[in-house]
């Protein structure tokens, strides 16, 4: 559960610094270190904790490169997604989150 709290804290800090309300997020992508079986859907848990819209897209993606690719895909000009939050909180490093577009 500590990882989830670290993810939420990183997400809140990023949103606060960018002056973005969680309701304005179109997608949340949570970076997992390895494939989860069964999936934990941390992205959905973060979305709920942040107070994001009920229809926000939430993905758990294995690895930062895959998360970046997913963010690019959902942010394409022909796609309605405007703001995508990527969260990386697993492992021993400092948790981080960033917005696309920044």
N, C-alpha and C. Protein backbone atom coordinates (compact mmCIF):
# COMPACT_ATOMS: atom_id res chain seq x y z
N UNK A 1 0.82 -1.20 0.00
CA UNK A 1 0.00 0.00 0.00
C UNK A 1 0.86 1.26 0.00
N UNK A 2 2.07 1.17 0.52
CA UNK A 2 2.93 2.35 0.56
C UNK A 2 3.21 2.88 -0.84
N UNK A 3 3.37 1.99 -1.81
CA UNK A 3 3.62 2.42 -3.18
C UNK A 3 2.46 3.26 -3.70
N UNK A 4 1.25 2.86 -3.38
CA UNK A 4 0.08 3.63 -3.80
C UNK A 4 0.10 5.03 -3.20
N UNK A 5 0.43 5.14 -1.93
CA UNK A 5 0.50 6.45 -1.28
C UNK A 5 1.59 7.32 -1.91
N UNK A 6 2.71 6.71 -2.25
CA UNK A 6 3.80 7.44 -2.91
C UNK A 6 3.35 7.95 -4.27
N UNK A 7 2.60 7.13 -4.99
CA UNK A 7 2.09 7.52 -6.31
C UNK A 7 1.11 8.68 -6.19
N UNK A 8 0.22 8.60 -5.24
CA UNK A 8 -0.77 9.66 -5.04
C UNK A 8 -0.08 10.96 -4.67
N UNK A 9 0.90 10.88 -3.77
CA UNK A 9 1.63 12.08 -3.35
C UNK A 9 2.35 12.72 -4.55
N UNK A 10 3.02 11.92 -5.36
CA UNK A 10 3.73 12.44 -6.54
C UNK A 10 2.74 13.08 -7.51
N UNK A 11 1.60 12.44 -7.71
CA UNK A 11 0.59 12.97 -8.63
C UNK A 11 0.04 14.31 -8.12
N UNK A 12 -0.29 14.36 -6.84
CA UNK A 12 -0.81 15.61 -6.27
C UNK A 12 0.20 16.75 -6.37
N UNK A 13 1.46 16.44 -6.11
CA UNK A 13 2.51 17.46 -6.21
C UNK A 13 2.63 17.98 -7.63
N UNK A 14 2.61 17.09 -8.60
CA UNK A 14 2.71 17.50 -10.00
C UNK A 14 1.52 18.33 -10.43
N UNK A 15 0.33 17.90 -10.07
CA UNK A 15 -0.86 18.67 -10.43
C UNK A 15 -0.87 20.04 -9.77
N UNK A 16 -0.47 20.09 -8.51
CA UNK A 16 -0.41 21.37 -7.80
C UNK A 16 0.59 22.31 -8.46
N UNK A 17 1.78 21.80 -8.78
CA UNK A 17 2.81 22.63 -9.40
C UNK A 17 2.39 23.14 -10.78
N UNK A 18 1.62 22.33 -11.50
CA UNK A 18 1.18 22.71 -12.85
C UNK A 18 -0.15 23.47 -12.83
N UNK A 19 -0.73 23.63 -11.65
CA UNK A 19 -2.03 24.28 -11.47
C UNK A 19 -3.08 23.61 -12.37
N UNK A 20 -3.14 22.28 -12.24
CA UNK A 20 -4.10 21.48 -13.00
C UNK A 20 -4.99 20.76 -12.00
N UNK A 21 -6.28 20.83 -12.23
CA UNK A 21 -7.25 20.13 -11.38
C UNK A 21 -7.37 18.68 -11.85
N UNK A 22 -7.46 17.73 -10.93
CA UNK A 22 -7.60 16.33 -11.34
C UNK A 22 -8.78 16.08 -12.28
N UNK A 23 -9.80 16.89 -12.18
CA UNK A 23 -10.98 16.74 -13.03
C UNK A 23 -10.64 17.02 -14.50
N UNK A 24 -9.53 17.72 -14.74
CA UNK A 24 -9.11 18.07 -16.10
C UNK A 24 -8.26 16.99 -16.77
N UNK A 25 -7.95 15.92 -16.03
CA UNK A 25 -7.16 14.84 -16.61
C UNK A 25 -8.02 13.98 -17.53
N UNK A 26 -7.45 13.60 -18.67
CA UNK A 26 -8.13 12.71 -19.59
C UNK A 26 -7.64 11.27 -19.45
N UNK A 27 -6.40 11.10 -18.99
CA UNK A 27 -5.85 9.76 -18.81
C UNK A 27 -4.81 9.78 -17.71
N UNK A 28 -4.71 8.65 -17.00
CA UNK A 28 -3.69 8.45 -15.98
C UNK A 28 -2.98 7.14 -16.33
N UNK A 29 -1.67 7.22 -16.45
CA UNK A 29 -0.87 6.05 -16.78
C UNK A 29 0.07 5.78 -15.61
N UNK A 30 -0.01 4.58 -15.07
CA UNK A 30 0.81 4.18 -13.94
C UNK A 30 1.86 3.20 -14.44
N UNK A 31 3.12 3.49 -14.18
CA UNK A 31 4.23 2.65 -14.64
C UNK A 31 4.47 1.54 -13.62
N UNK A 32 4.35 0.29 -14.08
CA UNK A 32 4.66 -0.86 -13.23
C UNK A 32 6.04 -1.38 -13.60
N UNK A 33 6.73 -1.95 -12.64
CA UNK A 33 8.09 -2.45 -12.87
C UNK A 33 8.11 -3.76 -13.64
N UNK A 34 7.12 -4.60 -13.42
CA UNK A 34 7.03 -5.87 -14.13
C UNK A 34 5.57 -6.22 -14.29
N UNK A 35 5.30 -7.11 -15.19
CA UNK A 35 3.92 -7.51 -15.46
C UNK A 35 3.26 -8.00 -14.18
N UNK A 36 2.07 -7.52 -13.94
CA UNK A 36 1.32 -7.89 -12.73
C UNK A 36 0.27 -8.94 -13.09
N UNK A 37 0.31 -10.06 -12.41
CA UNK A 37 -0.72 -11.08 -12.60
C UNK A 37 -1.21 -11.49 -11.22
N UNK A 38 -2.44 -11.23 -10.86
CA UNK A 38 -3.40 -10.45 -11.62
C UNK A 38 -3.07 -8.96 -11.54
N UNK A 39 -3.59 -8.16 -12.48
CA UNK A 39 -3.30 -6.72 -12.45
C UNK A 39 -3.87 -6.06 -11.19
N UNK A 40 -3.15 -5.07 -10.69
CA UNK A 40 -3.60 -4.35 -9.48
C UNK A 40 -4.37 -3.09 -9.83
N UNK A 41 -4.27 -2.61 -11.06
CA UNK A 41 -4.96 -1.40 -11.51
C UNK A 41 -4.70 -0.21 -10.59
N UNK A 42 -3.42 0.02 -10.31
CA UNK A 42 -3.03 1.16 -9.47
C UNK A 42 -3.48 2.47 -10.11
N UNK A 43 -3.49 2.56 -11.41
CA UNK A 43 -3.91 3.79 -12.10
C UNK A 43 -5.34 4.16 -11.71
N UNK A 44 -6.22 3.19 -11.64
CA UNK A 44 -7.61 3.45 -11.26
C UNK A 44 -7.70 3.86 -9.80
N UNK A 45 -6.88 3.27 -8.96
CA UNK A 45 -6.86 3.64 -7.54
C UNK A 45 -6.35 5.07 -7.36
N UNK A 46 -5.33 5.44 -8.12
CA UNK A 46 -4.82 6.82 -8.07
C UNK A 46 -5.89 7.78 -8.57
N UNK A 47 -6.54 7.44 -9.67
CA UNK A 47 -7.61 8.30 -10.21
C UNK A 47 -8.69 8.56 -9.17
N UNK A 48 -9.10 7.52 -8.49
CA UNK A 48 -10.12 7.65 -7.45
C UNK A 48 -9.63 8.54 -6.31
N UNK A 49 -8.40 8.31 -5.86
CA UNK A 49 -7.85 9.10 -4.75
C UNK A 49 -7.70 10.58 -5.12
N UNK A 50 -7.38 10.85 -6.37
CA UNK A 50 -7.22 12.24 -6.81
C UNK A 50 -8.55 12.96 -6.97
N UNK A 51 -9.61 12.20 -7.18
CA UNK A 51 -10.91 12.81 -7.47
C UNK A 51 -11.05 13.12 -8.95
N UNK A 52 -10.41 12.31 -9.79
CA UNK A 52 -10.51 12.48 -11.24
C UNK A 52 -11.93 12.12 -11.68
N UNK A 53 -12.26 12.51 -12.90
CA UNK A 53 -13.57 12.17 -13.46
C UNK A 53 -13.76 10.65 -13.50
N UNK A 54 -14.98 10.22 -13.42
CA UNK A 54 -15.27 8.78 -13.48
C UNK A 54 -14.91 8.18 -14.82
N UNK A 55 -14.91 8.98 -15.89
CA UNK A 55 -14.62 8.46 -17.22
C UNK A 55 -13.15 8.64 -17.63
N UNK A 56 -12.28 8.99 -16.67
CA UNK A 56 -10.86 9.15 -17.00
C UNK A 56 -10.31 7.78 -17.41
N UNK A 57 -9.51 7.77 -18.48
CA UNK A 57 -8.86 6.52 -18.91
C UNK A 57 -7.72 6.23 -17.94
N UNK A 58 -7.63 5.00 -17.46
CA UNK A 58 -6.59 4.63 -16.50
C UNK A 58 -5.91 3.35 -16.97
N UNK A 59 -4.58 3.41 -17.09
CA UNK A 59 -3.80 2.29 -17.60
C UNK A 59 -2.64 1.98 -16.67
N UNK A 60 -2.37 0.72 -16.44
CA UNK A 60 -1.13 0.27 -15.81
C UNK A 60 -0.27 -0.26 -16.95
N UNK A 61 0.93 0.28 -17.10
CA UNK A 61 1.79 -0.04 -18.25
C UNK A 61 3.16 -0.48 -17.74
N UNK A 62 3.72 -1.57 -18.30
CA UNK A 62 5.02 -2.05 -17.85
C UNK A 62 6.18 -1.23 -18.44
N UNK A 63 6.76 -0.38 -17.63
CA UNK A 63 7.94 0.37 -18.04
C UNK A 63 7.66 1.78 -18.51
N UNK A 64 8.64 2.66 -18.29
CA UNK A 64 8.51 4.08 -18.64
C UNK A 64 8.41 4.30 -20.14
N UNK A 65 9.13 3.51 -20.92
CA UNK A 65 9.07 3.68 -22.38
C UNK A 65 7.67 3.36 -22.90
N UNK A 66 7.07 2.29 -22.41
CA UNK A 66 5.71 1.94 -22.82
C UNK A 66 4.71 3.01 -22.37
N UNK A 67 4.93 3.57 -21.18
CA UNK A 67 4.05 4.63 -20.68
C UNK A 67 4.13 5.86 -21.57
N UNK A 68 5.33 6.22 -21.99
CA UNK A 68 5.50 7.37 -22.88
C UNK A 68 4.81 7.11 -24.23
N UNK A 69 4.95 5.91 -24.74
CA UNK A 69 4.30 5.55 -26.01
C UNK A 69 2.78 5.60 -25.87
N UNK A 70 2.26 5.10 -24.77
CA UNK A 70 0.83 5.13 -24.53
C UNK A 70 0.34 6.58 -24.42
N UNK A 71 1.08 7.42 -23.70
CA UNK A 71 0.70 8.83 -23.57
C UNK A 71 0.68 9.51 -24.93
N UNK A 72 1.66 9.23 -25.76
CA UNK A 72 1.70 9.81 -27.10
C UNK A 72 0.50 9.34 -27.91
N UNK A 73 0.18 8.07 -27.80
CA UNK A 73 -0.95 7.52 -28.56
C UNK A 73 -2.28 8.15 -28.17
N UNK A 74 -2.49 8.36 -26.88
CA UNK A 74 -3.77 8.94 -26.46
C UNK A 74 -3.79 10.45 -26.59
N UNK A 75 -2.65 11.05 -26.91
CA UNK A 75 -2.58 12.50 -27.07
C UNK A 75 -2.49 12.93 -28.54
N UNK A 76 -2.69 12.02 -29.46
CA UNK A 76 -2.59 12.33 -30.89
C UNK A 76 -3.63 13.38 -31.27
N UNK A 77 -3.35 14.19 -32.29
CA UNK A 77 -4.27 15.26 -32.69
C UNK A 77 -5.69 14.77 -32.99
N UNK A 78 -5.85 13.56 -33.49
CA UNK A 78 -7.19 13.06 -33.81
C UNK A 78 -7.87 12.41 -32.61
N UNK A 79 -7.22 12.45 -31.47
CA UNK A 79 -7.75 11.87 -30.24
C UNK A 79 -8.18 13.00 -29.30
N UNK A 80 -9.27 12.83 -28.57
CA UNK A 80 -9.75 13.92 -27.71
C UNK A 80 -8.95 14.13 -26.42
N UNK A 81 -8.01 13.26 -26.10
CA UNK A 81 -7.27 13.42 -24.84
C UNK A 81 -6.45 14.70 -24.85
N UNK A 82 -6.57 15.48 -23.80
CA UNK A 82 -5.82 16.73 -23.68
C UNK A 82 -4.71 16.63 -22.66
N UNK A 83 -4.99 16.05 -21.52
CA UNK A 83 -4.01 15.97 -20.43
C UNK A 83 -3.84 14.54 -19.97
N UNK A 84 -2.60 14.10 -19.97
CA UNK A 84 -2.27 12.75 -19.54
C UNK A 84 -1.27 12.85 -18.41
N UNK A 85 -1.54 12.17 -17.30
CA UNK A 85 -0.64 12.14 -16.16
C UNK A 85 0.04 10.78 -16.12
N UNK A 86 1.37 10.78 -16.13
CA UNK A 86 2.15 9.55 -16.00
C UNK A 86 2.76 9.52 -14.60
N UNK A 87 2.65 8.38 -13.94
CA UNK A 87 3.14 8.24 -12.57
C UNK A 87 4.08 7.05 -12.49
N UNK A 88 5.24 7.28 -11.90
CA UNK A 88 6.21 6.21 -11.67
C UNK A 88 6.57 6.22 -10.19
N UNK A 89 6.11 5.21 -9.45
CA UNK A 89 6.31 5.21 -8.00
C UNK A 89 6.84 3.89 -7.46
N UNK A 90 6.99 2.90 -8.31
CA UNK A 90 7.48 1.61 -7.83
C UNK A 90 9.00 1.61 -7.81
N UNK A 91 9.57 0.73 -7.03
CA UNK A 91 11.02 0.68 -6.90
C UNK A 91 11.48 1.50 -5.72
N UNK A 92 12.78 1.68 -5.61
CA UNK A 92 13.36 2.35 -4.45
C UNK A 92 13.60 3.84 -4.68
N UNK A 93 13.50 4.30 -5.89
CA UNK A 93 13.76 5.71 -6.19
C UNK A 93 12.64 6.62 -5.76
N UNK A 94 12.88 7.90 -5.93
CA UNK A 94 11.88 8.92 -5.61
C UNK A 94 10.71 8.80 -6.58
N UNK A 95 9.47 8.75 -6.10
CA UNK A 95 8.34 8.69 -7.02
C UNK A 95 8.24 9.96 -7.84
N UNK A 96 7.79 9.84 -9.07
CA UNK A 96 7.66 11.01 -9.92
C UNK A 96 6.37 10.93 -10.73
N UNK A 97 5.94 12.06 -11.20
CA UNK A 97 4.77 12.16 -12.06
C UNK A 97 5.01 13.33 -12.99
N UNK A 98 4.49 13.22 -14.20
CA UNK A 98 4.59 14.33 -15.14
C UNK A 98 3.38 14.35 -16.04
N UNK A 99 3.11 15.54 -16.60
CA UNK A 99 1.95 15.74 -17.45
C UNK A 99 2.36 15.79 -18.92
N UNK A 100 1.51 15.25 -19.77
CA UNK A 100 1.65 15.35 -21.21
C UNK A 100 0.36 15.97 -21.71
N UNK A 101 0.28 17.05 -22.43
CA UNK A 101 1.43 17.91 -22.69
C UNK A 101 1.81 18.68 -21.44
N UNK A 102 3.08 19.02 -21.37
CA UNK A 102 3.61 19.72 -20.20
C UNK A 102 3.49 21.21 -20.38
